[in-house]
């Protein structure tokens, strides 16, 4: 397995984990009262937007050549950091 393929698998695993966490947060939001739901759903939409950005970066990475993927790695790392930070922040607010 090449470094590119290993990185793609790692990034996909992170995306899958984030999707599961977002689903858990949505389930918690569904149990809240109307006012709290609005705030929670807004956070969930922001998370989904960041998730879509990371998914897009992963798609770009998959389509890149073995030589070019390193150039795209920084953007993917930045998108991952943004999503991860937002997810941790949202999870702490949902407790």
PDB file of N, CA and C in Angstrom:
ATOM      1  N   UNK A   1       0.859  -1.169   0.000  1.00  0.00           N
ATOM      2  CA  UNK A   1       0.000   0.000   0.000  1.00  0.00           C
ATOM      3  C   UNK A   1       0.909   1.237   0.000  1.00  0.00           C
ATOM      4  N   UNK A   2       0.577   2.173  -0.845  1.00  0.00           N
ATOM      5  CA  UNK A   2       1.368   3.394  -0.926  1.00  0.00           C
ATOM      6  C   UNK A   2       1.024   4.333   0.229  1.00  0.00           C
ATOM      7  N   UNK A   3       1.853   5.332   0.426  1.00  0.00           N
ATOM      8  CA  UNK A   3       1.597   6.340   1.469  1.00  0.00           C
ATOM      9  C   UNK A   3       0.290   7.070   1.186  1.00  0.00           C
ATOM     10  N   UNK A   4       0.045   7.335  -0.087  1.00  0.00           N
ATOM     11  CA  UNK A   4      -1.183   8.030  -0.477  1.00  0.00           C
ATOM     12  C   UNK A   4      -2.402   7.199  -0.094  1.00  0.00           C
ATOM     13  N   UNK A   5      -2.383   5.921  -0.427  1.00  0.00           N
ATOM     14  CA  UNK A   5      -3.509   5.040  -0.107  1.00  0.00           C
ATOM     15  C   UNK A   5      -3.720   4.928   1.400  1.00  0.00           C
ATOM     16  N   UNK A   6      -2.627   4.836   2.144  1.00  0.00           N
ATOM     17  CA  UNK A   6      -2.732   4.749   3.599  1.00  0.00           C
ATOM     18  C   UNK A   6      -3.340   6.029   4.171  1.00  0.00           C
ATOM     19  N   UNK A   7      -2.922   7.155   3.633  1.00  0.00           N
ATOM     20  CA  UNK A   7      -3.463   8.432   4.108  1.00  0.00           C
ATOM     21  C   UNK A   7      -4.944   8.548   3.766  1.00  0.00           C
ATOM     22  N   UNK A   8      -5.326   8.126   2.567  1.00  0.00           N
ATOM     23  CA  UNK A   8      -6.736   8.149   2.169  1.00  0.00           C
ATOM     24  C   UNK A   8      -7.577   7.309   3.122  1.00  0.00           C
ATOM     25  N   UNK A   9      -7.094   6.130   3.471  1.00  0.00           N
ATOM     26  CA  UNK A   9      -7.833   5.256   4.394  1.00  0.00           C
ATOM     27  C   UNK A   9      -7.948   5.893   5.772  1.00  0.00           C
ATOM     28  N   UNK A  10      -6.881   6.523   6.220  1.00  0.00           N
ATOM     29  CA  UNK A  10      -6.895   7.194   7.517  1.00  0.00           C
ATOM     30  C   UNK A  10      -7.925   8.324   7.510  1.00  0.00           C
ATOM     31  N   UNK A  11      -7.911   9.117   6.458  1.00  0.00           N
ATOM     32  CA  UNK A  11      -8.839  10.237   6.356  1.00  0.00           C
ATOM     33  C   UNK A  11     -10.279   9.744   6.265  1.00  0.00           C
ATOM     34  N   UNK A  12     -10.514   8.668   5.523  1.00  0.00           N
ATOM     35  CA  UNK A  12     -11.859   8.102   5.414  1.00  0.00           C
ATOM     36  C   UNK A  12     -12.332   7.584   6.769  1.00  0.00           C
ATOM     37  N   UNK A  13     -11.433   6.974   7.527  1.00  0.00           N
ATOM     38  CA  UNK A  13     -11.792   6.489   8.863  1.00  0.00           C
ATOM     39  C   UNK A  13     -12.185   7.659   9.769  1.00  0.00           C
ATOM     40  N   UNK A  14     -11.446   8.768   9.678  1.00  0.00           N
ATOM     41  CA  UNK A  14     -11.791   9.960  10.452  1.00  0.00           C
ATOM     42  C   UNK A  14     -13.166  10.481  10.047  1.00  0.00           C
ATOM     43  N   UNK A  15     -13.421  10.521   8.766  1.00  0.00           N
ATOM     44  CA  UNK A  15     -14.733  10.979   8.291  1.00  0.00           C
ATOM     45  C   UNK A  15     -15.851  10.097   8.818  1.00  0.00           C
ATOM     46  N   UNK A  16     -15.650   8.796   8.781  1.00  0.00           N
ATOM     47  CA  UNK A  16     -16.658   7.855   9.279  1.00  0.00           C
ATOM     48  C   UNK A  16     -16.917   8.053  10.777  1.00  0.00           C
ATOM     49  N   UNK A  17     -15.832   8.269  11.544  1.00  0.00           N
ATOM     50  CA  UNK A  17     -15.978   8.507  12.977  1.00  0.00           C
ATOM     51  C   UNK A  17     -16.762   9.792  13.233  1.00  0.00           C
ATOM     52  N   UNK A  18     -16.446  10.829  12.464  1.00  0.00           N
ATOM     53  CA  UNK A  18     -17.131  12.108  12.631  1.00  0.00           C
ATOM     54  C   UNK A  18     -18.609  11.986  12.278  1.00  0.00           C
ATOM     55  N   UNK A  19     -18.908  11.251  11.240  1.00  0.00           N
ATOM     56  CA  UNK A  19     -20.308  11.055  10.851  1.00  0.00           C
ATOM     57  C   UNK A  19     -21.073  10.379  11.983  1.00  0.00           C
ATOM     58  N   UNK A  20     -20.457   9.401  12.609  1.00  0.00           N
ATOM     59  CA  UNK A  20     -21.101   8.704  13.728  1.00  0.00           C
ATOM     60  C   UNK A  20     -21.305   9.658  14.912  1.00  0.00           C
ATOM     61  N   UNK A  21     -20.316  10.491  15.192  1.00  0.00           N
ATOM     62  CA  UNK A  21     -20.437  11.454  16.296  1.00  0.00           C
ATOM     63  C   UNK A  21     -21.524  12.486  16.006  1.00  0.00           C
ATOM     64  N   UNK A  22     -21.592  12.946  14.771  1.00  0.00           N
ATOM     65  CA  UNK A  22     -22.629  13.912  14.399  1.00  0.00           C
ATOM     66  C   UNK A  22     -24.009  13.282  14.558  1.00  0.00           C
ATOM     67  N   UNK A  23     -24.141  12.022  14.182  1.00  0.00           N
ATOM     68  CA  UNK A  23     -25.412  11.315  14.360  1.00  0.00           C
ATOM     69  C   UNK A  23     -25.796  11.227  15.840  1.00  0.00           C
ATOM     70  N   UNK A  24     -24.800  10.980  16.708  1.00  0.00           N
ATOM     71  CA  UNK A  24     -25.072  10.916  18.146  1.00  0.00           C
ATOM     72  C   UNK A  24     -25.542  12.284  18.659  1.00  0.00           C
ATOM     73  N   UNK A  25     -24.874  13.348  18.193  1.00  0.00           N
ATOM     74  CA  UNK A  25     -25.261  14.689  18.622  1.00  0.00           C
ATOM     75  C   UNK A  25     -26.670  15.024  18.141  1.00  0.00           C
ATOM     76  N   UNK A  26     -27.004  14.602  16.940  1.00  0.00           N
ATOM     77  CA  UNK A  26     -28.350  14.846  16.412  1.00  0.00           C
ATOM     78  C   UNK A  26     -29.387  14.112  17.256  1.00  0.00           C
ATOM     79  N   UNK A  27     -29.078  12.895  17.660  1.00  0.00           N
ATOM     80  CA  UNK A  27     -30.003  12.133  18.502  1.00  0.00           C
ATOM     81  C   UNK A  27     -30.214  12.844  19.844  1.00  0.00           C
ATOM     82  N   UNK A  28     -29.149  13.404  20.405  1.00  0.00           N
ATOM     83  CA  UNK A  28     -29.289  14.162  21.648  1.00  0.00           C
ATOM     84  C   UNK A  28     -30.130  15.408  21.421  1.00  0.00           C
ATOM     85  N   UNK A  29     -29.883  16.087  20.313  1.00  0.00           N
ATOM     86  CA  UNK A  29     -30.633  17.309  19.997  1.00  0.00           C
ATOM     87  C   UNK A  29     -32.117  17.011  19.838  1.00  0.00           C
ATOM     88  N   UNK A  30     -32.426  15.871  19.241  1.00  0.00           N
ATOM     89  CA  UNK A  30     -33.825  15.482  19.024  1.00  0.00           C
ATOM     90  C   UNK A  30     -34.589  15.339  20.342  1.00  0.00           C
ATOM     91  N   UNK A  31     -33.873  15.069  21.428  1.00  0.00           N
ATOM     92  CA  UNK A  31     -34.510  14.868  22.726  1.00  0.00           C
ATOM     93  C   UNK A  31     -34.689  16.174  23.503  1.00  0.00           C
ATOM     94  N   UNK A  32     -34.090  17.243  23.021  1.00  0.00           N
ATOM     95  CA  UNK A  32     -34.145  18.524  23.736  1.00  0.00           C
ATOM     96  C   UNK A  32     -35.433  19.278  23.448  1.00  0.00           C
ATOM     97  N   UNK A  33     -35.675  20.285  24.251  1.00  0.00           N
ATOM     98  CA  UNK A  33     -36.829  21.160  24.042  1.00  0.00           C
ATOM     99  C   UNK A  33     -36.568  22.055  22.834  1.00  0.00           C
ATOM    100  N   UNK A  34     -37.607  22.658  22.309  1.00  0.00           N
ATOM    101  CA  UNK A  34     -37.546  23.411  21.054  1.00  0.00           C
ATOM    102  C   UNK A  34     -36.439  24.464  21.020  1.00  0.00           C
ATOM    103  N   UNK A  35     -36.315  25.274  22.051  1.00  0.00           N
ATOM    104  CA  UNK A  35     -35.306  26.330  22.043  1.00  0.00           C
ATOM    105  C   UNK A  35     -33.890  25.762  21.959  1.00  0.00           C
ATOM    106  N   UNK A  36     -33.631  24.729  22.719  1.00  0.00           N
ATOM    107  CA  UNK A  36     -32.311  24.100  22.700  1.00  0.00           C
ATOM    108  C   UNK A  36     -32.068  23.406  21.362  1.00  0.00           C
ATOM    109  N   UNK A  37     -33.109  22.816  20.794  1.00  0.00           N
ATOM    110  CA  UNK A  37     -32.973  22.129  19.509  1.00  0.00           C
ATOM    111  C   UNK A  37     -32.473  23.073  18.434  1.00  0.00           C
ATOM    112  N   UNK A  38     -32.975  24.287  18.411  1.00  0.00           N
ATOM    113  CA  UNK A  38     -32.569  25.243  17.387  1.00  0.00           C
ATOM    114  C   UNK A  38     -31.070  25.485  17.460  1.00  0.00           C
ATOM    115  N   UNK A  39     -30.551  25.715  18.650  1.00  0.00           N
ATOM    116  CA  UNK A  39     -29.114  25.945  18.817  1.00  0.00           C
ATOM    117  C   UNK A  39     -28.315  24.702  18.437  1.00  0.00           C
ATOM    118  N   UNK A  40     -28.776  23.551  18.861  1.00  0.00           N
ATOM    119  CA  UNK A  40     -28.073  22.307  18.552  1.00  0.00           C
ATOM    120  C   UNK A  40     -28.077  22.023  17.048  1.00  0.00           C
ATOM    121  N   UNK A  41     -29.222  22.211  16.423  1.00  0.00           N
ATOM    122  CA  UNK A  41     -29.300  21.952  14.984  1.00  0.00           C
ATOM    123  C   UNK A  41     -28.410  22.899  14.194  1.00  0.00           C
ATOM    124  N   UNK A  42     -28.260  24.131  14.676  1.00  0.00           N
ATOM    125  CA  UNK A  42     -27.366  25.077  14.013  1.00  0.00           C
ATOM    126  C   UNK A  42     -25.931  24.559  14.090  1.00  0.00           C
ATOM    127  N   UNK A  43     -25.521  24.075  15.253  1.00  0.00           N
ATOM    128  CA  UNK A  43     -24.181  23.517  15.408  1.00  0.00           C
ATOM    129  C   UNK A  43     -23.993  22.281  14.523  1.00  0.00           C
ATOM    130  N   UNK A  44     -25.019  21.458  14.454  1.00  0.00           N
ATOM    131  CA  UNK A  44     -24.935  20.247  13.639  1.00  0.00           C
ATOM    132  C   UNK A  44     -24.769  20.614  12.168  1.00  0.00           C
ATOM    133  N   UNK A  45     -25.480  21.631  11.708  1.00  0.00           N
ATOM    134  CA  UNK A  45     -25.336  22.067  10.319  1.00  0.00           C
ATOM    135  C   UNK A  45     -23.926  22.578  10.040  1.00  0.00           C
ATOM    136  N   UNK A  46     -23.339  23.298  10.999  1.00  0.00           N
ATOM    137  CA  UNK A  46     -21.960  23.753  10.849  1.00  0.00           C
ATOM    138  C   UNK A  46     -21.010  22.566  10.770  1.00  0.00           C
ATOM    139  N   UNK A  47     -21.257  21.556  11.591  1.00  0.00           N
ATOM    140  CA  UNK A  47     -20.426  20.349  11.560  1.00  0.00           C
ATOM    141  C   UNK A  47     -20.554  19.636  10.212  1.00  0.00           C
ATOM    142  N   UNK A  48     -21.769  19.550   9.714  1.00  0.00           N
ATOM    143  CA  UNK A  48     -21.977  18.880   8.433  1.00  0.00           C
ATOM    144  C   UNK A  48     -21.293  19.639   7.298  1.00  0.00           C
ATOM    145  N   UNK A  49     -21.262  20.959   7.397  1.00  0.00           N
ATOM    146  CA  UNK A  49     -20.575  21.761   6.392  1.00  0.00           C
ATOM    147  C   UNK A  49     -19.073  21.477   6.420  1.00  0.00           C
ATOM    148  N   UNK A  50     -18.503  21.415   7.616  1.00  0.00           N
ATOM    149  CA  UNK A  50     -17.081  21.107   7.749  1.00  0.00           C
ATOM    150  C   UNK A  50     -16.799  19.673   7.294  1.00  0.00           C
ATOM    151  N   UNK A  51     -17.731  18.784   7.562  1.00  0.00           N
ATOM    152  CA  UNK A  51     -17.596  17.393   7.129  1.00  0.00           C
ATOM    153  C   UNK A  51     -17.598  17.326   5.596  1.00  0.00           C
ATOM    154  N   UNK A  52     -18.460  18.095   4.965  1.00  0.00           N
ATOM    155  CA  UNK A  52     -18.520  18.124   3.501  1.00  0.00           C
ATOM    156  C   UNK A  52     -17.224  18.673   2.914  1.00  0.00           C
ATOM    157  N   UNK A  53     -16.647  19.667   3.576  1.00  0.00           N
ATOM    158  CA  UNK A  53     -15.371  20.218   3.113  1.00  0.00           C
ATOM    159  C   UNK A  53     -14.287  19.155   3.170  1.00  0.00           C
ATOM    160  N   UNK A  54     -14.233  18.426   4.270  1.00  0.00           N
ATOM    161  CA  UNK A  54     -13.233  17.371   4.398  1.00  0.00           C
ATOM    162  C   UNK A  54     -13.476  16.271   3.372  1.00  0.00           C
ATOM    163  N   UNK A  55     -14.724  15.927   3.151  1.00  0.00           N
ATOM    164  CA  UNK A  55     -15.060  14.916   2.155  1.00  0.00           C
ATOM    165  C   UNK A  55     -14.603  15.362   0.765  1.00  0.00           C
ATOM    166  N   UNK A  56     -14.773  16.625   0.467  1.00  0.00           N
ATOM    167  CA  UNK A  56     -14.333  17.179  -0.807  1.00  0.00           C
ATOM    168  C   UNK A  56     -12.810  17.093  -0.941  1.00  0.00           C
ATOM    169  N   UNK A  57     -12.110  17.421   0.139  1.00  0.00           N
ATOM    170  CA  UNK A  57     -10.640  17.341   0.127  1.00  0.00           C
ATOM    171  C   UNK A  57     -10.193  15.900  -0.080  1.00  0.00           C
ATOM    172  N   UNK A  58     -10.897  14.960   0.529  1.00  0.00           N
ATOM    173  CA  UNK A  58     -10.563  13.549   0.356  1.00  0.00           C
ATOM    174  C   UNK A  58     -10.781  13.130  -1.093  1.00  0.00           C
ATOM    175  N   UNK A  59     -11.858  13.595  -1.700  1.00  0.00           N
ATOM    176  CA  UNK A  59     -12.119  13.275  -3.105  1.00  0.00           C
ATOM    177  C   UNK A  59     -11.009  13.823  -4.002  1.00  0.00           C
ATOM    178  N   UNK A  60     -10.590  15.056  -3.737  1.00  0.00           N
ATOM    179  CA  UNK A  60      -9.490  15.653  -4.509  1.00  0.00           C
ATOM    180  C   UNK A  60      -8.227  14.817  -4.352  1.00  0.00           C
ATOM    181  N   UNK A  61      -7.982  14.393  -3.129  1.00  0.00           N
ATOM    182  CA  UNK A  61      -6.801  13.601  -2.842  1.00  0.00           C
ATOM    183  C   UNK A  61      -6.833  12.271  -3.593  1.00  0.00           C
ATOM    184  N   UNK A  62      -7.988  11.632  -3.597  1.00  0.00           N
ATOM    185  CA  UNK A  62      -8.128  10.345  -4.288  1.00  0.00           C
ATOM    186  C   UNK A  62      -7.904  10.479  -5.783  1.00  0.00           C
ATOM    187  N   UNK A  63      -8.309  11.613  -6.346  1.00  0.00           N
ATOM    188  CA  UNK A  63      -8.172  11.822  -7.781  1.00  0.00           C
ATOM    189  C   UNK A  63      -6.775  12.285  -8.177  1.00  0.00           C
ATOM    190  N   UNK A  64      -5.975  12.678  -7.202  1.00  0.00           N
ATOM    191  CA  UNK A  64      -4.649  13.194  -7.507  1.00  0.00           C
ATOM    192  C   UNK A  64      -3.681  12.062  -7.834  1.00  0.00           C
ATOM    193  N   UNK A  65      -2.605  12.436  -8.472  1.00  0.00           N
ATOM    194  CA  UNK A  65      -1.567  11.456  -8.804  1.00  0.00           C
ATOM    195  C   UNK A  65      -0.705  11.184  -7.576  1.00  0.00           C
ATOM    196  N   UNK A  66       0.091  10.153  -7.655  1.00  0.00           N
ATOM    197  CA  UNK A  66       1.005   9.817  -6.564  1.00  0.00           C
ATOM    198  C   UNK A  66       1.953  10.972  -6.277  1.00  0.00           C
ATOM    199  N   UNK A  67       2.314  11.719  -7.315  1.00  0.00           N
ATOM    200  CA  UNK A  67       3.256  12.819  -7.156  1.00  0.00           C
ATOM    201  C   UNK A  67       2.602  14.072  -6.569  1.00  0.00           C
ATOM    202  N   UNK A  68       1.334  14.273  -6.829  1.00  0.00           N
ATOM    203  CA  UNK A  68       0.672  15.521  -6.447  1.00  0.00           C
ATOM    204  C   UNK A  68      -0.062  15.457  -5.114  1.00  0.00           C
ATOM    205  N   UNK A  69      -0.298  14.294  -4.580  1.00  0.00           N
ATOM    206  CA  UNK A  69      -1.142  14.189  -3.398  1.00  0.00           C
ATOM    207  C   UNK A  69      -0.556  14.895  -2.185  1.00  0.00           C
ATOM    208  N   UNK A  70       0.757  14.939  -2.080  1.00  0.00           N
ATOM    209  CA  UNK A  70       1.390  15.614  -0.943  1.00  0.00           C
ATOM    210  C   UNK A  70       0.997  17.088  -0.895  1.00  0.00           C
ATOM    211  N   UNK A  71       0.818  17.704  -2.083  1.00  0.00           N
ATOM    212  CA  UNK A  71       0.423  19.114  -2.137  1.00  0.00           C
ATOM    213  C   UNK A  71      -0.983  19.316  -1.580  1.00  0.00           C
ATOM    214  N   UNK A  72      -1.838  18.328  -1.704  1.00  0.00           N
ATOM    215  CA  UNK A  72      -3.218  18.419  -1.230  1.00  0.00           C
ATOM    216  C   UNK A  72      -3.355  18.030   0.241  1.00  0.00           C
ATOM    217  N   UNK A  73      -2.347  17.386   0.760  1.00  0.00           N
ATOM    218  CA  UNK A  73      -2.394  16.879   2.132  1.00  0.00           C
ATOM    219  C   UNK A  73      -2.595  18.005   3.150  1.00  0.00           C
ATOM    220  N   UNK A  74      -1.947  19.141   2.946  1.00  0.00           N
ATOM    221  CA  UNK A  74      -2.058  20.257   3.896  1.00  0.00           C
ATOM    222  C   UNK A  74      -3.502  20.752   3.983  1.00  0.00           C
ATOM    223  N   UNK A  75      -4.175  20.854   2.854  1.00  0.00           N
ATOM    224  CA  UNK A  75      -5.576  21.280   2.852  1.00  0.00           C
ATOM    225  C   UNK A  75      -6.469  20.284   3.560  1.00  0.00           C
ATOM    226  N   UNK A  76      -6.196  19.019   3.355  1.00  0.00           N
ATOM    227  CA  UNK A  76      -6.977  17.973   4.016  1.00  0.00           C
ATOM    228  C   UNK A  76      -6.736  18.009   5.526  1.00  0.00           C
ATOM    229  N   UNK A  77      -5.483  18.205   5.930  1.00  0.00           N
ATOM    230  CA  UNK A  77      -5.159  18.286   7.358  1.00  0.00           C
ATOM    231  C   UNK A  77      -5.863  19.484   8.001  1.00  0.00           C
ATOM    232  N   UNK A  78      -5.881  20.596   7.305  1.00  0.00           N
ATOM    233  CA  UNK A  78      -6.537  21.798   7.819  1.00  0.00           C
ATOM    234  C   UNK A  78      -8.042  21.556   7.978  1.00  0.00           C
ATOM    235  N   UNK A  79      -8.650  20.934   6.974  1.00  0.00           N
ATOM    236  CA  UNK A  79     -10.084  20.624   7.043  1.00  0.00           C
ATOM    237  C   UNK A  79     -10.366  19.646   8.185  1.00  0.00           C
ATOM    238  N   UNK A  80      -9.487  18.663   8.370  1.00  0.00           N
ATOM    239  CA  UNK A  80      -9.657  17.694   9.451  1.00  0.00           C
ATOM    240  C   UNK A  80      -9.567  18.391  10.801  1.00  0.00           C
ATOM    241  N   UNK A  81      -8.564  19.268  10.971  1.00  0.00           N
ATOM    242  CA  UNK A  81      -8.396  19.983  12.237  1.00  0.00           C
ATOM    243  C   UNK A  81      -9.626  20.834  12.550  1.00  0.00           C
ATOM    244  N   UNK A  82     -10.157  21.485  11.525  1.00  0.00           N
ATOM    245  CA  UNK A  82     -11.335  22.331  11.701  1.00  0.00           C
ATOM    246  C   UNK A  82     -12.543  21.501  12.141  1.00  0.00           C
ATOM    247  N   UNK A  83     -12.776  20.396  11.467  1.00  0.00           N
ATOM    248  CA  UNK A  83     -13.904  19.523  11.812  1.00  0.00           C
ATOM    249  C   UNK A  83     -13.717  18.914  13.190  1.00  0.00           C
ATOM    250  N   UNK A  84     -12.539  18.435  13.471  1.00  0.00           N
ATOM    251  CA  UNK A  84     -12.271  17.794  14.754  1.00  0.00           C
ATOM    252  C   UNK A  84     -12.475  18.772  15.909  1.00  0.00           C
ATOM    253  N   UNK A  85     -11.957  19.977  15.758  1.00  0.00           N
ATOM    254  CA  UNK A  85     -12.118  20.983  16.801  1.00  0.00           C
ATOM    255  C   UNK A  85     -13.570  21.362  17.015  1.00  0.00           C
ATOM    256  N   UNK A  86     -14.291  21.535  15.920  1.00  0.00           N
ATOM    257  CA  UNK A  86     -15.705  21.899  16.009  1.00  0.00           C
ATOM    258  C   UNK A  86     -16.520  20.770  16.634  1.00  0.00           C
ATOM    259  N   UNK A  87     -16.174  19.550  16.306  1.00  0.00           N
ATOM    260  CA  UNK A  87     -16.887  18.399  16.859  1.00  0.00           C
ATOM    261  C   UNK A  87     -16.658  18.290  18.369  1.00  0.00           C
ATOM    262  N   UNK A  88     -15.416  18.485  18.804  1.00  0.00           N
ATOM    263  CA  UNK A  88     -15.127  18.440  20.239  1.00  0.00           C
ATOM    264  C   UNK A  88     -15.864  19.560  20.975  1.00  0.00           C
ATOM    265  N   UNK A  89     -15.864  20.727  20.384  1.00  0.00           N
ATOM    266  CA  UNK A  89     -16.545  21.866  20.988  1.00  0.00           C
ATOM    267  C   UNK A  89     -18.050  21.611  21.109  1.00  0.00           C
ATOM    268  N   UNK A  90     -18.646  21.108  20.037  1.00  0.00           N
ATOM    269  CA  UNK A  90     -20.080  20.814  20.049  1.00  0.00           C
ATOM    270  C   UNK A  90     -20.400  19.719  21.052  1.00  0.00           C
ATOM    271  N   UNK A  91     -19.575  18.696  21.105  1.00  0.00           N
ATOM    272  CA  UNK A  91     -19.825  17.585  22.026  1.00  0.00           C
ATOM    273  C   UNK A  91     -19.790  18.076  23.473  1.00  0.00           C
ATOM    274  N   UNK A  92     -18.884  18.996  23.780  1.00  0.00           N
ATOM    275  CA  UNK A  92     -18.817  19.497  25.154  1.00  0.00           C
ATOM    276  C   UNK A  92     -20.037  20.347  25.490  1.00  0.00           C
ATOM    277  N   UNK A  93     -20.605  21.041  24.508  1.00  0.00           N
ATOM    278  CA  UNK A  93     -21.798  21.846  24.743  1.00  0.00           C
ATOM    279  C   UNK A  93     -23.071  20.989  24.848  1.00  0.00           C
ATOM    280  N   UNK A  94     -23.031  19.830  24.251  1.00  0.00           N
ATOM    281  CA  UNK A  94     -24.220  18.959  24.252  1.00  0.00           C
ATOM    282  C   UNK A  94     -24.330  18.152  25.540  1.00  0.00           C
ATOM    283  N   UNK A  95     -23.324  18.170  26.372  1.00  0.00           N
ATOM    284  CA  UNK A  95     -23.362  17.363  27.602  1.00  0.00           C
ATOM    285  C   UNK A  95     -24.291  17.944  28.624  1.00  0.00           C
TER     286      UNK A  95
END
